[in-house]
Each structure stands twice: as structure tokens, then as C-alpha cells.
Amino acid sequence: MTETKGARTSLRLAESMLELIQRHGYGGTGLNTVVEHAGAPKGSLYFHFPQGKEALGEKAVELAAARFGALVADSARESATPADVLRRVVDELAGMLDDSGFELGCPVSVVTLEMGARSDRLRDACAQAFESWISPVSDLLVAHGHPRQAARGLATALVSLVEGAVIVSRAQRSTEPLRCAARTITTLLEPGAEPSS
């Protein structure tokens, strides 16, 4: 019972850290705010994350990576082609941005930009998160006939395209950059297909 309760508290703290990073950035997220947002006992933060903010940030990045990975996996089960998978992912991201009033972005890119040069631990967590997205996209491309070496490069470019489009969409407070990314994905993966608008 205690272990389950402890696991729930740890997850709640990581989820709060994740949401607050999406809204305010890593630097703009204080530990007291995380504890308050999570509705957790004050002492629980250092009990679950004795190494402090970086450890909690690392867990939040891992959680974001898992959620995006699940989105790709779910989309892959419901789609016929890699282009369909990525268009579904883009649609989900566009909906998230729109629903949040363009306040929520990708916490992995936020942490990378803020902390990549200052914390090896967080940079490594972000690199692993991006890899956890690139690798299944690459595998999906291989499963649809792309040579493995070419698929890896293309998957890296596709993830980078979507990540960049999320950032530009937030800046412009418009989902149009993501829609442009979806059209480019169609052009790259389905040459000769009519890109959807």
C-alpha cells in the first residue's frame, strides 16, 4: 500500500513538473511551485527525488518521451502508412497547442534549449527522449520498405521537422506551421501524392 502511494506521489510530482515546464520553462519552474501544483506533502519531493530539481526534471523529460512515444505507437496502429502516422501525430499536437491557447509546448525541446549546455544529466535525458521518438519512426519506415540507413536519417529529419513546427506554432500562436509540416511530410513520404491542406 505504501509503495503504491509513494509511486503515485512520485508520478504526481513528475506530471506537475512536466506541465509547469511546458508552461513556464525549466528555469521558471520552482520546486515549491511543483509541490504546491502536485498537492504533495513538502517533504515528499526530496524523499522521491533526493538529487533535487535535475532529478525531477529528468523524470519529467522521461514522462514526456513516453507519452509522445505512446502517441506515435497508437497512431501507427490506426494508420496505413508512415505519412498517415505522422499526420495523425501532427493533428494531435496541433490540437494540444490550440486547446492550451498555445501555452503548452514540447518540454523536451524547452529543457534542451535551457539546460543542454549546463547539465549533462538533463541533456542526456533529452537526447534519449529524442532517440526514443526517432528510433520507432525509423523502424516504421523500414517496415514500409525504406533502407535502414536512409530510414534513420529520414526519421531524424521528420522528428526535427515536427519539433521545429511546434516551436514556430507557439511563437506565431497558429497551427499553420504544423499544417505546413504535415504537408511537407506527405511530400517527403508519398511523392506524387496531393498534400492535404
C-alpha atoms as a PDB file:
ATOM      1  CA  MET A   1       0.000   0.000   0.000  1.00  0.00           C
ATOM      2  CA  THR A   2       2.791   2.443   0.968  1.00  0.00           C
ATOM      3  CA  GLU A   3       4.779   1.613  -2.172  1.00  0.00           C
ATOM      4  CA  THR A   4       1.726   2.255  -4.362  1.00  0.00           C
ATOM      5  CA  LYS A   5       1.000   5.527  -2.583  1.00  0.00           C
ATOM      6  CA  GLY A   6       4.666   6.518  -2.927  1.00  0.00           C
ATOM      7  CA  ALA A   7       4.664   5.675  -6.636  1.00  0.00           C
ATOM      8  CA  ARG A   8       1.534   7.798  -7.106  1.00  0.00           C
ATOM      9  CA  THR A   9       3.134  10.731  -5.303  1.00  0.00           C
ATOM     10  CA  SER A  10       6.323  10.425  -7.361  1.00  0.00           C
ATOM     11  CA  LEU A  11       4.302  10.339 -10.587  1.00  0.00           C
ATOM     12  CA  ARG A  12       2.181  13.301  -9.488  1.00  0.00           C
ATOM     13  CA  LEU A  13       5.322  15.352  -8.827  1.00  0.00           C
ATOM     14  CA  ALA A  14       6.771  14.399 -12.247  1.00  0.00           C
ATOM     15  CA  GLU A  15       3.492  15.235 -14.002  1.00  0.00           C
ATOM     16  CA  SER A  16       3.353  18.622 -12.279  1.00  0.00           C
ATOM     17  CA  MET A  17       6.974  19.320 -13.212  1.00  0.00           C
ATOM     18  CA  LEU A  18       6.174  18.356 -16.800  1.00  0.00           C
ATOM     19  CA  GLU A  19       3.149  20.638 -17.054  1.00  0.00           C
ATOM     20  CA  LEU A  20       4.929  23.541 -15.401  1.00  0.00           C
ATOM     21  CA  ILE A  21       7.953  23.174 -17.703  1.00  0.00           C
ATOM     22  CA  GLN A  22       5.582  23.240 -20.678  1.00  0.00           C
ATOM     23  CA  ARG A  23       4.023  26.469 -19.423  1.00  0.00           C
ATOM     24  CA  HIS A  24       6.904  28.312 -17.745  1.00  0.00           C
ATOM     25  CA  GLY A  25      10.127  26.622 -18.856  1.00  0.00           C
ATOM     26  CA  TYR A  26      12.606  24.742 -16.702  1.00  0.00           C
ATOM     27  CA  GLY A  27      14.169  27.878 -15.235  1.00  0.00           C
ATOM     28  CA  GLY A  28      10.749  29.352 -14.481  1.00  0.00           C
ATOM     29  CA  THR A  29       9.633  26.297 -12.521  1.00  0.00           C
ATOM     30  CA  GLY A  30      10.490  26.345  -8.832  1.00  0.00           C
ATOM     31  CA  LEU A  31      10.328  23.297  -6.597  1.00  0.00           C
ATOM     32  CA  ASN A  32       7.877  24.912  -4.173  1.00  0.00           C
ATOM     33  CA  THR A  33       5.560  25.572  -7.107  1.00  0.00           C
ATOM     34  CA  VAL A  34       5.832  21.940  -8.200  1.00  0.00           C
ATOM     35  CA  VAL A  35       4.954  20.686  -4.705  1.00  0.00           C
ATOM     36  CA  GLU A  36       2.002  23.071  -4.497  1.00  0.00           C
ATOM     37  CA  HIS A  37       0.784  22.186  -8.018  1.00  0.00           C
ATOM     38  CA  ALA A  38       1.051  18.463  -7.243  1.00  0.00           C
ATOM     39  CA  GLY A  39      -0.740  18.835  -3.930  1.00  0.00           C
ATOM     40  CA  ALA A  40       2.045  16.759  -2.400  1.00  0.00           C
ATOM     41  CA  PRO A  41       3.498  16.941   1.110  1.00  0.00           C
ATOM     42  CA  LYS A  42       6.510  19.241   1.145  1.00  0.00           C
ATOM     43  CA  GLY A  43       8.923  16.560   2.353  1.00  0.00           C
ATOM     44  CA  SER A  44       7.882  14.155  -0.375  1.00  0.00           C
ATOM     45  CA  LEU A  45       9.873  15.975  -3.072  1.00  0.00           C
ATOM     46  CA  TYR A  46      13.289  15.200  -1.604  1.00  0.00           C
ATOM     47  CA  PHE A  47      12.123  11.777  -0.456  1.00  0.00           C
ATOM     48  CA  HIS A  48      11.294  10.781  -4.047  1.00  0.00           C
ATOM     49  CA  PHE A  49      13.895  12.996  -5.748  1.00  0.00           C
ATOM     50  CA  PRO A  50      16.796  13.317  -3.287  1.00  0.00           C
ATOM     51  CA  GLN A  51      19.012  14.788  -6.011  1.00  0.00           C
ATOM     52  CA  GLY A  52      16.639  17.721  -6.401  1.00  0.00           C
ATOM     53  CA  LYS A  53      15.406  19.648  -9.379  1.00  0.00           C
ATOM     54  CA  GLU A  54      17.579  17.990 -12.025  1.00  0.00           C
ATOM     55  CA  ALA A  55      16.353  14.543 -10.996  1.00  0.00           C
ATOM     56  CA  LEU A  56      12.745  15.728 -11.127  1.00  0.00           C
ATOM     57  CA  GLY A  57      13.386  17.410 -14.478  1.00  0.00           C
ATOM     58  CA  GLU A  58      14.907  14.195 -15.800  1.00  0.00           C
ATOM     59  CA  LYS A  59      11.804  12.246 -14.717  1.00  0.00           C
ATOM     60  CA  ALA A  60       9.543  14.827 -16.379  1.00  0.00           C
ATOM     61  CA  VAL A  61      11.502  14.508 -19.645  1.00  0.00           C
ATOM     62  CA  GLU A  62      11.206  10.703 -19.445  1.00  0.00           C
ATOM     63  CA  LEU A  63       7.458  11.043 -18.901  1.00  0.00           C
ATOM     64  CA  ALA A  64       7.141  13.371 -21.910  1.00  0.00           C
ATOM     65  CA  ALA A  65       9.155  10.944 -24.028  1.00  0.00           C
ATOM     66  CA  ALA A  66       6.918   8.044 -23.032  1.00  0.00           C
ATOM     67  CA  ARG A  67       3.747   9.987 -23.795  1.00  0.00           C
ATOM     68  CA  PHE A  68       4.928  11.073 -27.227  1.00  0.00           C
ATOM     69  CA  GLY A  69       6.124   7.540 -27.920  1.00  0.00           C
ATOM     70  CA  ALA A  70       2.686   6.215 -26.992  1.00  0.00           C
ATOM     71  CA  LEU A  71       1.097   8.748 -29.349  1.00  0.00           C
ATOM     72  CA  VAL A  72       3.300   7.516 -32.218  1.00  0.00           C
ATOM     73  CA  ALA A  73       2.542   3.865 -31.348  1.00  0.00           C
ATOM     74  CA  ASP A  74      -1.216   4.489 -31.140  1.00  0.00           C
ATOM     75  CA  SER A  75      -1.157   6.370 -34.438  1.00  0.00           C
ATOM     76  CA  ALA A  76       0.817   3.542 -36.059  1.00  0.00           C
ATOM     77  CA  ARG A  77      -1.863   1.021 -35.057  1.00  0.00           C
ATOM     78  CA  GLU A  78      -4.576   3.153 -36.672  1.00  0.00           C
ATOM     79  CA  SER A  79      -2.767   4.243 -39.842  1.00  0.00           C
ATOM     80  CA  ALA A  80      -1.841   2.567 -43.116  1.00  0.00           C
ATOM     81  CA  THR A  81       1.367   4.430 -43.997  1.00  0.00           C
ATOM     82  CA  PRO A  82       4.187   6.315 -42.216  1.00  0.00           C
ATOM     83  CA  ALA A  83       2.820   9.576 -43.645  1.00  0.00           C
ATOM     84  CA  ASP A  84      -0.587   8.815 -42.116  1.00  0.00           C
ATOM     85  CA  VAL A  85       1.056   8.090 -38.749  1.00  0.00           C
ATOM     86  CA  LEU A  86       2.938  11.376 -38.708  1.00  0.00           C
ATOM     87  CA  ARG A  87      -0.065  13.370 -39.918  1.00  0.00           C
ATOM     88  CA  ARG A  88      -2.080  11.924 -37.008  1.00  0.00           C
ATOM     89  CA  VAL A  89       0.706  12.906 -34.611  1.00  0.00           C
ATOM     90  CA  VAL A  90       0.772  16.423 -36.049  1.00  0.00           C
ATOM     91  CA  ASP A  91      -3.021  16.665 -35.696  1.00  0.00           C
ATOM     92  CA  GLU A  92      -2.765  15.663 -32.015  1.00  0.00           C
ATOM     93  CA  LEU A  93      -0.007  18.194 -31.368  1.00  0.00           C
ATOM     94  CA  ALA A  94      -1.943  20.936 -33.147  1.00  0.00           C
ATOM     95  CA  GLY A  95      -4.990  20.134 -31.021  1.00  0.00           C
ATOM     96  CA  MET A  96      -2.907  20.268 -27.828  1.00  0.00           C
ATOM     97  CA  LEU A  97      -1.463  23.647 -28.771  1.00  0.00           C
ATOM     98  CA  ASP A  98      -4.837  25.060 -29.765  1.00  0.00           C
ATOM     99  CA  ASP A  99      -6.602  23.735 -26.649  1.00  0.00           C
ATOM    100  CA  SER A 100      -3.948  25.246 -24.371  1.00  0.00           C
ATOM    101  CA  GLY A 101      -4.045  28.649 -26.051  1.00  0.00           C
ATOM    102  CA  PHE A 102      -0.505  27.937 -27.313  1.00  0.00           C
ATOM    103  CA  GLU A 103       0.813  27.799 -23.745  1.00  0.00           C
ATOM    104  CA  LEU A 104       1.869  24.135 -23.796  1.00  0.00           C
ATOM    105  CA  GLY A 105       4.857  23.210 -25.901  1.00  0.00           C
ATOM    106  CA  CYS A 106       7.259  20.306 -26.035  1.00  0.00           C
ATOM    107  CA  PRO A 107       9.012  20.095 -22.660  1.00  0.00           C
ATOM    108  CA  VAL A 108      11.912  18.154 -24.181  1.00  0.00           C
ATOM    109  CA  SER A 109      12.811  20.984 -26.547  1.00  0.00           C
ATOM    110  CA  VAL A 110      12.347  23.524 -23.726  1.00  0.00           C
ATOM    111  CA  VAL A 111      14.718  21.657 -21.404  1.00  0.00           C
ATOM    112  CA  THR A 112      17.207  21.078 -24.231  1.00  0.00           C
ATOM    113  CA  LEU A 113      17.329  24.772 -25.095  1.00  0.00           C
ATOM    114  CA  GLU A 114      17.527  25.962 -21.492  1.00  0.00           C
ATOM    115  CA  MET A 115      19.754  23.349 -19.900  1.00  0.00           C
ATOM    116  CA  GLY A 116      21.551  21.440 -22.673  1.00  0.00           C
ATOM    117  CA  ALA A 117      24.774  23.392 -22.206  1.00  0.00           C
ATOM    118  CA  ARG A 118      24.585  23.472 -18.394  1.00  0.00           C
ATOM    119  CA  SER A 119      23.521  19.995 -17.310  1.00  0.00           C
ATOM    120  CA  ASP A 120      24.868  16.783 -18.783  1.00  0.00           C
ATOM    121  CA  ARG A 121      22.183  14.877 -16.909  1.00  0.00           C
ATOM    122  CA  LEU A 122      19.331  16.827 -18.499  1.00  0.00           C
ATOM    123  CA  ARG A 123      20.986  16.960 -21.913  1.00  0.00           C
ATOM    124  CA  ASP A 124      21.386  13.175 -21.840  1.00  0.00           C
ATOM    125  CA  ALA A 125      17.739  12.751 -20.792  1.00  0.00           C
ATOM    126  CA  CYS A 126      16.646  14.952 -23.701  1.00  0.00           C
ATOM    127  CA  ALA A 127      18.905  13.120 -26.164  1.00  0.00           C
ATOM    128  CA  GLN A 128      17.405   9.818 -25.014  1.00  0.00           C
ATOM    129  CA  ALA A 129      13.897  11.243 -25.368  1.00  0.00           C
ATOM    130  CA  PHE A 130      14.522  12.322 -28.962  1.00  0.00           C
ATOM    131  CA  GLU A 131      16.109   8.942 -29.691  1.00  0.00           C
ATOM    132  CA  SER A 132      13.020   7.211 -28.299  1.00  0.00           C
ATOM    133  CA  TRP A 133      10.992   9.033 -30.981  1.00  0.00           C
ATOM    134  CA  ILE A 134      13.448   8.735 -33.875  1.00  0.00           C
ATOM    135  CA  SER A 135      14.019   5.011 -33.462  1.00  0.00           C
ATOM    136  CA  PRO A 136      10.366   3.854 -33.803  1.00  0.00           C
ATOM    137  CA  VAL A 137       9.794   6.229 -36.721  1.00  0.00           C
ATOM    138  CA  SER A 138      12.875   4.737 -38.379  1.00  0.00           C
ATOM    139  CA  ASP A 139      11.568   1.204 -37.715  1.00  0.00           C
ATOM    140  CA  LEU A 140       8.206   2.192 -39.190  1.00  0.00           C
ATOM    141  CA  LEU A 141       9.901   3.470 -42.343  1.00  0.00           C
ATOM    142  CA  VAL A 142      11.936   0.257 -42.636  1.00  0.00           C
ATOM    143  CA  ALA A 143       8.743  -1.791 -42.244  1.00  0.00           C
ATOM    144  CA  HIS A 144       7.364   0.128 -45.238  1.00  0.00           C
ATOM    145  CA  GLY A 145      10.329  -0.566 -47.494  1.00  0.00           C
ATOM    146  CA  HIS A 146      12.864   2.170 -46.742  1.00  0.00           C
ATOM    147  CA  PRO A 147      16.513   1.017 -46.469  1.00  0.00           C
ATOM    148  CA  ARG A 148      17.582   1.079 -42.792  1.00  0.00           C
ATOM    149  CA  GLN A 149      20.390   3.634 -43.166  1.00  0.00           C
ATOM    150  CA  ALA A 150      18.223   6.039 -45.191  1.00  0.00           C
ATOM    151  CA  ALA A 151      15.294   5.475 -42.810  1.00  0.00           C
ATOM    152  CA  ARG A 152      17.378   6.586 -39.826  1.00  0.00           C
ATOM    153  CA  GLY A 153      18.304   9.891 -41.456  1.00  0.00           C
ATOM    154  CA  LEU A 154      14.764  10.483 -42.687  1.00  0.00           C
ATOM    155  CA  ALA A 155      13.294   9.706 -39.248  1.00  0.00           C
ATOM    156  CA  THR A 156      15.707  12.183 -37.645  1.00  0.00           C
ATOM    157  CA  ALA A 157      14.665  14.851 -40.159  1.00  0.00           C
ATOM    158  CA  LEU A 158      10.943  14.137 -39.629  1.00  0.00           C
ATOM    159  CA  VAL A 159      11.144  14.365 -35.835  1.00  0.00           C
ATOM    160  CA  SER A 160      13.182  17.564 -36.175  1.00  0.00           C
ATOM    161  CA  LEU A 161      10.610  18.990 -38.607  1.00  0.00           C
ATOM    162  CA  VAL A 162       7.729  18.325 -36.222  1.00  0.00           C
ATOM    163  CA  GLU A 163       9.643  19.639 -33.187  1.00  0.00           C
ATOM    164  CA  GLY A 164      10.562  22.832 -35.021  1.00  0.00           C
ATOM    165  CA  ALA A 165       6.985  23.281 -36.213  1.00  0.00           C
ATOM    166  CA  VAL A 166       5.711  23.060 -32.624  1.00  0.00           C
ATOM    167  CA  ILE A 167       8.096  25.847 -31.592  1.00  0.00           C
ATOM    168  CA  VAL A 168       7.147  28.093 -34.530  1.00  0.00           C
ATOM    169  CA  SER A 169       3.440  27.387 -33.970  1.00  0.00           C
ATOM    170  CA  ARG A 170       3.787  28.524 -30.364  1.00  0.00           C
ATOM    171  CA  ALA A 171       5.619  31.677 -31.389  1.00  0.00           C
ATOM    172  CA  GLN A 172       3.055  32.551 -34.063  1.00  0.00           C
ATOM    173  CA  ARG A 173       0.077  31.347 -31.980  1.00  0.00           C
ATOM    174  CA  SER A 174      -1.095  29.438 -35.020  1.00  0.00           C
ATOM    175  CA  THR A 175      -1.215  25.783 -36.010  1.00  0.00           C
ATOM    176  CA  GLU A 176      -0.296  26.703 -39.590  1.00  0.00           C
ATOM    177  CA  PRO A 177       3.417  25.838 -39.131  1.00  0.00           C
ATOM    178  CA  LEU A 178       2.336  22.350 -38.027  1.00  0.00           C
ATOM    179  CA  ARG A 179      -0.007  22.114 -41.025  1.00  0.00           C
ATOM    180  CA  CYS A 180       2.924  23.090 -43.264  1.00  0.00           C
ATOM    181  CA  ALA A 181       4.983  20.347 -41.609  1.00  0.00           C
ATOM    182  CA  ALA A 182       2.206  17.820 -42.327  1.00  0.00           C
ATOM    183  CA  ARG A 183       2.174  18.816 -45.995  1.00  0.00           C
ATOM    184  CA  THR A 184       5.963  18.500 -46.166  1.00  0.00           C
ATOM    185  CA  ILE A 185       5.774  15.058 -44.563  1.00  0.00           C
ATOM    186  CA  THR A 186       3.325  13.990 -47.273  1.00  0.00           C
ATOM    187  CA  THR A 187       5.683  15.314 -49.961  1.00  0.00           C
ATOM    188  CA  LEU A 188       8.679  13.501 -48.436  1.00  0.00           C
ATOM    189  CA  LEU A 189       6.983  10.178 -47.769  1.00  0.00           C
ATOM    190  CA  GLU A 190       4.440   9.996 -50.566  1.00  0.00           C
ATOM    191  CA  PRO A 191       5.985  11.645 -53.637  1.00  0.00           C
ATOM    192  CA  GLY A 192       3.303  12.464 -56.159  1.00  0.00           C
ATOM    193  CA  ALA A 193       0.524  12.446 -53.532  1.00  0.00           C
ATOM    194  CA  GLU A 194      -1.662  15.528 -53.226  1.00  0.00           C
ATOM    195  CA  PRO A 195      -0.791  17.094 -49.840  1.00  0.00           C
ATOM    196  CA  SER A 196      -3.859  17.700 -47.673  1.00  0.00           C
ATOM    197  CA  SER A 197      -4.403  21.298 -46.667  1.00  0.00           C
END
